[in-house]
């Protein structure tokens, strides 16, 4: 089987600068997909851009932390504050979703609303991923999978980033990477089993969390050299402007996406694809 690589951009629709970076990453670089934040400040601009770039696969970047909800506070008071914002910290948000069945029912309403908002754009739903990976939370993922199937998604991202390969590629942030590795191991053990039963496509490995904000070309080439897997996703946070946030949207990710040396490196090893083109061979083995 040909080794396949999805190259994604998160936070599409969050700002005009991110939208511009997604367009450039697709037109000039290796970007194949983007995750749309339907509640983002620049979501309408992102939708217009995507309709002018039919080759760009667009999925729902489900936002359940560090963002604003689609539904008003009065409808989901256990999920968002009075300003309509989710908890900024994903761990705090995840803990809240564990605690109460009533909260989970409200969360389901918000998830359904975000899917409906995506449907209203007229774009084809390529896949589902999530802001800070809250879509893969054990209390959230079953709801997301049902909605993904209902709305015709082809695939879903299950976070699973290999710790040792990452440390070998770049030894920075060892404690941070260890925490991510433990979290991803748990999420993948639940998520791959559920997705294998659903018929949705997914990747064996997803790279982008451990070096978020520092996804330079050298690092990307080193990590890819250490991955024997047949289906891999790289995700980035590109922007046309610099960002003070350590792990947030940044200009360097855009430079990486447009690097001709990286494109050449990848073309010798992978077929660039999207979730629609992802092979389902052996996906059941992930369960």
Protein backbone atom coordinates (compact mmCIF):
# COMPACT_ATOMS: atom_id res chain seq x y z
CA UNK A 1 0.00 0.00 0.00
CA UNK A 2 1.22 3.50 -0.88
CA UNK A 3 2.08 5.58 2.16
CA UNK A 4 -0.32 8.49 2.44
CA UNK A 5 0.06 11.90 4.06
CA UNK A 6 -2.62 14.44 4.94
CA UNK A 7 -1.35 17.97 5.57
CA UNK A 8 -3.88 20.06 7.49
CA UNK A 9 -4.29 23.57 8.86
CA UNK A 10 -6.28 24.11 12.04
CA UNK A 11 -8.30 27.20 13.07
CA UNK A 12 -9.47 28.09 9.55
CA UNK A 13 -11.92 30.95 10.03
CA UNK A 14 -10.47 32.20 13.31
CA UNK A 15 -8.89 35.29 11.72
CA UNK A 16 -8.25 36.84 8.29
CA UNK A 17 -4.52 36.21 8.76
CA UNK A 18 -5.12 32.49 9.24
CA UNK A 19 -7.43 32.41 6.23
CA UNK A 20 -4.76 34.05 4.06
CA UNK A 21 -2.17 31.55 5.29
CA UNK A 22 -4.44 28.62 4.48
CA UNK A 23 -4.93 29.95 0.95
CA UNK A 24 -1.18 30.38 0.44
CA UNK A 25 -0.36 27.02 2.00
CA UNK A 26 -2.74 25.34 -0.42
CA UNK A 27 -1.84 27.29 -3.56
CA UNK A 28 1.91 27.48 -3.03
CA UNK A 29 2.67 24.58 -0.73
CA UNK A 30 1.76 21.11 0.48
CA UNK A 31 -1.47 21.88 2.35
CA UNK A 32 -4.32 19.54 1.41
CA UNK A 33 -6.95 20.18 4.11
CA UNK A 34 -8.22 22.72 6.62
CA UNK A 35 -10.44 22.56 9.70
CA UNK A 36 -13.11 25.28 9.77
CA UNK A 37 -14.09 26.96 13.05
CA UNK A 38 -17.72 27.75 12.21
CA UNK A 39 -17.94 30.22 15.11
CA UNK A 40 -14.71 31.99 14.22
CA UNK A 41 -14.60 35.74 13.61
CA UNK A 42 -13.52 35.20 10.01
CA UNK A 43 -15.59 32.10 9.25
CA UNK A 44 -17.54 33.74 6.42
CA UNK A 45 -14.32 34.75 4.72
CA UNK A 46 -12.97 31.23 5.12
CA UNK A 47 -16.07 29.75 3.49
CA UNK A 48 -15.81 32.15 0.55
CA UNK A 49 -12.14 31.31 0.15
CA UNK A 50 -12.83 27.56 0.27
CA UNK A 51 -15.51 27.84 -2.41
CA UNK A 52 -12.92 29.47 -4.68
CA UNK A 53 -10.45 26.63 -4.00
CA UNK A 54 -12.49 23.47 -4.68
CA UNK A 55 -9.41 21.24 -4.33
CA UNK A 56 -9.01 22.22 -0.67
CA UNK A 57 -10.68 19.64 1.59
CA UNK A 58 -12.50 21.40 4.43
CA UNK A 59 -13.60 19.72 7.63
CA UNK A 60 -15.25 20.85 10.83
CA UNK A 61 -12.77 22.03 13.46
CA UNK A 62 -15.09 21.40 16.40
CA UNK A 63 -14.49 24.05 19.08
CA UNK A 64 -15.36 23.08 22.66
CA UNK A 65 -12.68 25.02 24.54
CA UNK A 66 -10.92 28.40 24.30
CA UNK A 67 -13.58 29.77 21.93
CA UNK A 68 -17.17 30.98 21.68
CA UNK A 69 -20.15 28.69 21.34
CA UNK A 70 -22.71 28.73 18.55
CA UNK A 71 -25.63 28.39 20.96
CA UNK A 72 -26.40 31.10 23.56
CA UNK A 73 -25.53 30.77 27.24
CA UNK A 74 -29.20 30.36 28.19
CA UNK A 75 -29.38 27.15 26.14
CA UNK A 76 -26.13 25.60 27.42
CA UNK A 77 -25.40 27.28 30.80
CA UNK A 78 -23.41 24.30 32.10
CA UNK A 79 -21.08 24.40 29.11
CA UNK A 80 -20.22 28.10 28.61
CA UNK A 81 -20.00 31.22 30.76
CA UNK A 82 -22.36 34.19 30.48
CA UNK A 83 -20.28 35.62 27.65
CA UNK A 84 -20.79 32.40 25.70
CA UNK A 85 -17.21 31.19 26.07
CA UNK A 86 -15.98 27.71 26.82
CA UNK A 87 -13.26 27.16 29.42
CA UNK A 88 -9.91 28.30 28.00
CA UNK A 89 -8.03 25.36 29.48
CA UNK A 90 -8.79 22.07 27.67
CA UNK A 91 -8.20 20.04 30.84
CA UNK A 92 -10.75 22.16 32.73
CA UNK A 93 -13.21 21.84 29.86
CA UNK A 94 -12.67 18.09 29.67
CA UNK A 95 -13.20 17.66 33.40
CA UNK A 96 -16.45 19.63 33.19
CA UNK A 97 -17.70 17.30 30.44
CA UNK A 98 -16.96 14.25 32.59
CA UNK A 99 -18.88 15.45 35.61
CA UNK A 100 -22.54 15.60 34.63
CA UNK A 101 -24.96 13.87 32.27
CA UNK A 102 -26.91 17.11 32.13
CA UNK A 103 -23.79 18.93 30.95
CA UNK A 104 -23.22 16.23 28.34
CA UNK A 105 -26.76 16.71 27.01
CA UNK A 106 -26.11 20.44 26.62
CA UNK A 107 -22.79 19.66 24.97
CA UNK A 108 -24.57 17.43 22.45
CA UNK A 109 -26.79 20.37 21.48
CA UNK A 110 -23.75 22.56 20.84
CA UNK A 111 -22.01 19.85 18.82
CA UNK A 112 -25.12 19.39 16.70
CA UNK A 113 -25.33 23.16 16.22
CA UNK A 114 -21.75 23.33 14.96
CA UNK A 115 -22.40 20.52 12.48
CA UNK A 116 -25.56 22.31 11.32
CA UNK A 117 -23.61 25.54 10.91
CA UNK A 118 -21.07 23.74 8.73
CA UNK A 119 -23.87 22.19 6.68
CA UNK A 120 -25.26 25.69 6.17
CA UNK A 121 -22.05 26.81 4.44
CA UNK A 122 -22.74 24.58 1.46
CA UNK A 123 -19.25 23.07 1.69
CA UNK A 124 -18.72 19.32 1.49
CA UNK A 125 -17.72 17.96 4.90
CA UNK A 126 -14.36 16.28 4.39
CA UNK A 127 -13.64 15.27 7.98
CA UNK A 128 -13.91 16.24 11.62
CA UNK A 129 -11.12 17.33 13.95
CA UNK A 130 -11.16 19.47 17.06
CA UNK A 131 -9.74 22.54 18.74
CA UNK A 132 -7.27 21.28 21.40
CA UNK A 133 -8.51 17.76 20.52
CA UNK A 134 -11.62 18.04 22.72
CA UNK A 135 -13.56 16.21 19.99
CA UNK A 136 -11.68 13.04 21.04
CA UNK A 137 -12.73 13.30 24.70
CA UNK A 138 -14.34 9.95 25.68
CA UNK A 139 -17.62 11.67 26.58
CA UNK A 140 -17.59 13.71 23.38
CA UNK A 141 -16.32 11.33 20.69
CA UNK A 142 -19.41 9.07 20.47
CA UNK A 143 -21.57 12.15 19.82
CA UNK A 144 -19.09 13.44 17.24
CA UNK A 145 -18.86 10.10 15.41
CA UNK A 146 -22.65 9.86 15.12
CA UNK A 147 -22.85 13.40 13.76
CA UNK A 148 -19.92 12.82 11.41
CA UNK A 149 -21.65 9.81 9.87
CA UNK A 150 -25.01 11.58 9.73
CA UNK A 151 -23.50 14.58 7.94
CA UNK A 152 -21.44 12.62 5.43
CA UNK A 153 -17.91 13.13 6.75
CA UNK A 154 -15.30 10.87 5.20
CA UNK A 155 -12.95 10.73 8.15
CA UNK A 156 -12.02 11.89 11.63
CA UNK A 157 -8.78 12.81 13.35
CA UNK A 158 -7.82 10.68 16.35
CA UNK A 159 -4.82 12.26 18.13
CA UNK A 160 -1.98 9.76 18.36
CA UNK A 161 1.52 11.26 18.36
CA UNK A 162 4.46 8.90 19.00
CA UNK A 163 6.59 10.13 21.90
CA UNK A 164 9.92 8.42 21.22
CA UNK A 165 10.01 9.27 17.52
CA UNK A 166 9.24 12.86 18.43
CA UNK A 167 11.96 13.11 21.05
CA UNK A 168 14.43 11.60 18.59
CA UNK A 169 13.44 14.19 15.99
CA UNK A 170 13.69 17.06 18.50
CA UNK A 171 14.52 16.60 22.21
CA UNK A 172 12.95 19.92 23.30
CA UNK A 173 9.89 20.06 25.62
CA UNK A 174 10.38 16.55 27.11
CA UNK A 175 7.90 16.93 30.00
CA UNK A 176 5.30 18.60 27.79
CA UNK A 177 5.71 15.84 25.21
CA UNK A 178 5.44 13.14 27.86
CA UNK A 179 2.12 14.55 29.06
CA UNK A 180 0.83 14.72 25.50
CA UNK A 181 2.05 11.18 24.83
CA UNK A 182 0.18 9.82 27.84
CA UNK A 183 -2.99 11.74 26.93
CA UNK A 184 -2.87 10.72 23.29
CA UNK A 185 -2.25 7.09 24.21
CA UNK A 186 -5.46 7.06 26.21
CA UNK A 187 -7.50 8.96 23.60
CA UNK A 188 -6.25 6.70 20.81
CA UNK A 189 -7.04 3.51 22.75
CA UNK A 190 -10.67 4.62 22.96
CA UNK A 191 -10.90 6.50 19.68
CA UNK A 192 -9.39 4.01 17.27
CA UNK A 193 -11.68 1.28 18.53
CA UNK A 194 -14.78 3.42 18.09
CA UNK A 195 -13.76 4.76 14.68
CA UNK A 196 -12.85 1.29 13.39
CA UNK A 197 -16.46 0.28 14.00
CA UNK A 198 -17.86 3.41 12.34
CA UNK A 199 -16.51 3.09 8.81
CA UNK A 200 -14.86 6.52 8.99
CA UNK A 201 -11.30 6.86 7.72
CA UNK A 202 -8.54 7.85 10.13
CA UNK A 203 -4.75 8.02 10.34
CA UNK A 204 -2.54 5.80 12.45
CA UNK A 205 -0.39 8.75 13.52
CA UNK A 206 -1.12 12.48 13.80
CA UNK A 207 1.81 14.88 14.25
CA UNK A 208 1.39 18.49 15.35
CA UNK A 209 0.84 18.73 19.11
CA UNK A 210 4.26 18.08 20.58
CA UNK A 211 6.04 20.76 18.54
CA UNK A 212 3.05 23.05 18.01
CA UNK A 213 4.27 26.53 17.14
CA UNK A 214 7.67 25.16 16.05
CA UNK A 215 6.86 22.93 13.10
CA UNK A 216 9.93 23.82 11.04
CA UNK A 217 10.88 21.95 7.88
CA UNK A 218 13.90 20.25 9.45
CA UNK A 219 11.79 18.89 12.29
CA UNK A 220 9.05 17.70 9.94
CA UNK A 221 11.54 15.82 7.78
CA UNK A 222 13.20 14.24 10.81
CA UNK A 223 9.92 13.05 12.33
CA UNK A 224 8.63 11.67 9.02
CA UNK A 225 11.85 9.68 8.60
CA UNK A 226 11.05 7.95 11.89
CA UNK A 227 7.45 6.98 11.09
CA UNK A 228 6.87 3.62 9.37
CA UNK A 229 3.10 4.10 9.33
CA UNK A 230 1.01 3.96 6.16
CA UNK A 231 -1.41 6.80 7.01
CA UNK A 232 -0.02 9.96 8.63
CA UNK A 233 -1.48 13.40 9.25
CA UNK A 234 0.59 16.52 9.83
CA UNK A 235 -1.32 19.51 11.14
CA UNK A 236 -0.15 23.10 11.36
CA UNK A 237 -1.28 26.49 12.67
CA UNK A 238 -0.25 28.82 9.85
CA UNK A 239 -0.79 32.57 9.87
CA UNK A 240 0.48 35.49 7.81
CA UNK A 241 1.31 37.38 11.01
CA UNK A 242 3.43 36.65 14.04
CA UNK A 243 1.66 35.61 17.21
CA UNK A 244 2.78 36.09 20.80
CA UNK A 245 1.10 32.82 21.84
CA UNK A 246 3.78 30.15 22.20
CA UNK A 247 1.82 27.33 20.60
CA UNK A 248 -0.63 29.31 18.46
CA UNK A 249 -0.91 30.41 14.82
CA UNK A 250 2.44 31.53 13.47
CA UNK A 251 4.31 32.63 10.38
CA UNK A 252 6.90 29.84 10.57
CA UNK A 253 4.27 27.17 9.92
CA UNK A 254 3.34 28.95 6.70
CA UNK A 255 6.99 29.02 5.65
CA UNK A 256 7.21 25.28 6.30
CA UNK A 257 4.13 24.55 4.20
CA UNK A 258 5.60 26.50 1.28
CA UNK A 259 9.13 25.06 1.52
CA UNK A 260 10.07 23.47 -1.85
CA UNK A 261 12.67 21.23 -0.20
CA UNK A 262 10.02 19.77 2.09
CA UNK A 263 7.68 19.25 -0.85
CA UNK A 264 10.42 17.34 -2.67
CA UNK A 265 11.20 15.27 0.43
CA UNK A 266 7.55 14.31 0.87
CA UNK A 267 6.97 13.53 -2.82
CA UNK A 268 9.65 10.84 -2.64
CA UNK A 269 7.99 9.11 0.31
CA UNK A 270 4.26 9.83 0.40
CA UNK A 271 1.17 10.40 -1.66
CA UNK A 272 -0.39 13.68 -0.54
CA UNK A 273 -4.09 13.15 0.07
CA UNK A 274 -7.18 14.14 2.05
CA UNK A 275 -9.56 12.15 4.23
CA UNK A 276 -11.68 11.48 1.14
CA UNK A 277 -8.72 9.81 -0.56
CA UNK A 278 -7.42 7.98 2.51
CA UNK A 279 -7.16 4.21 2.19
CA UNK A 280 -9.28 2.23 4.63
CA UNK A 281 -7.11 -0.87 4.30
CA UNK A 282 -6.22 -2.19 7.74
CA UNK A 283 -8.13 0.49 9.66
CA UNK A 284 -9.90 -2.26 11.59
CA UNK A 285 -6.49 -3.35 12.90
CA UNK A 286 -6.25 -0.10 14.89
CA UNK A 287 -9.08 -1.19 17.19
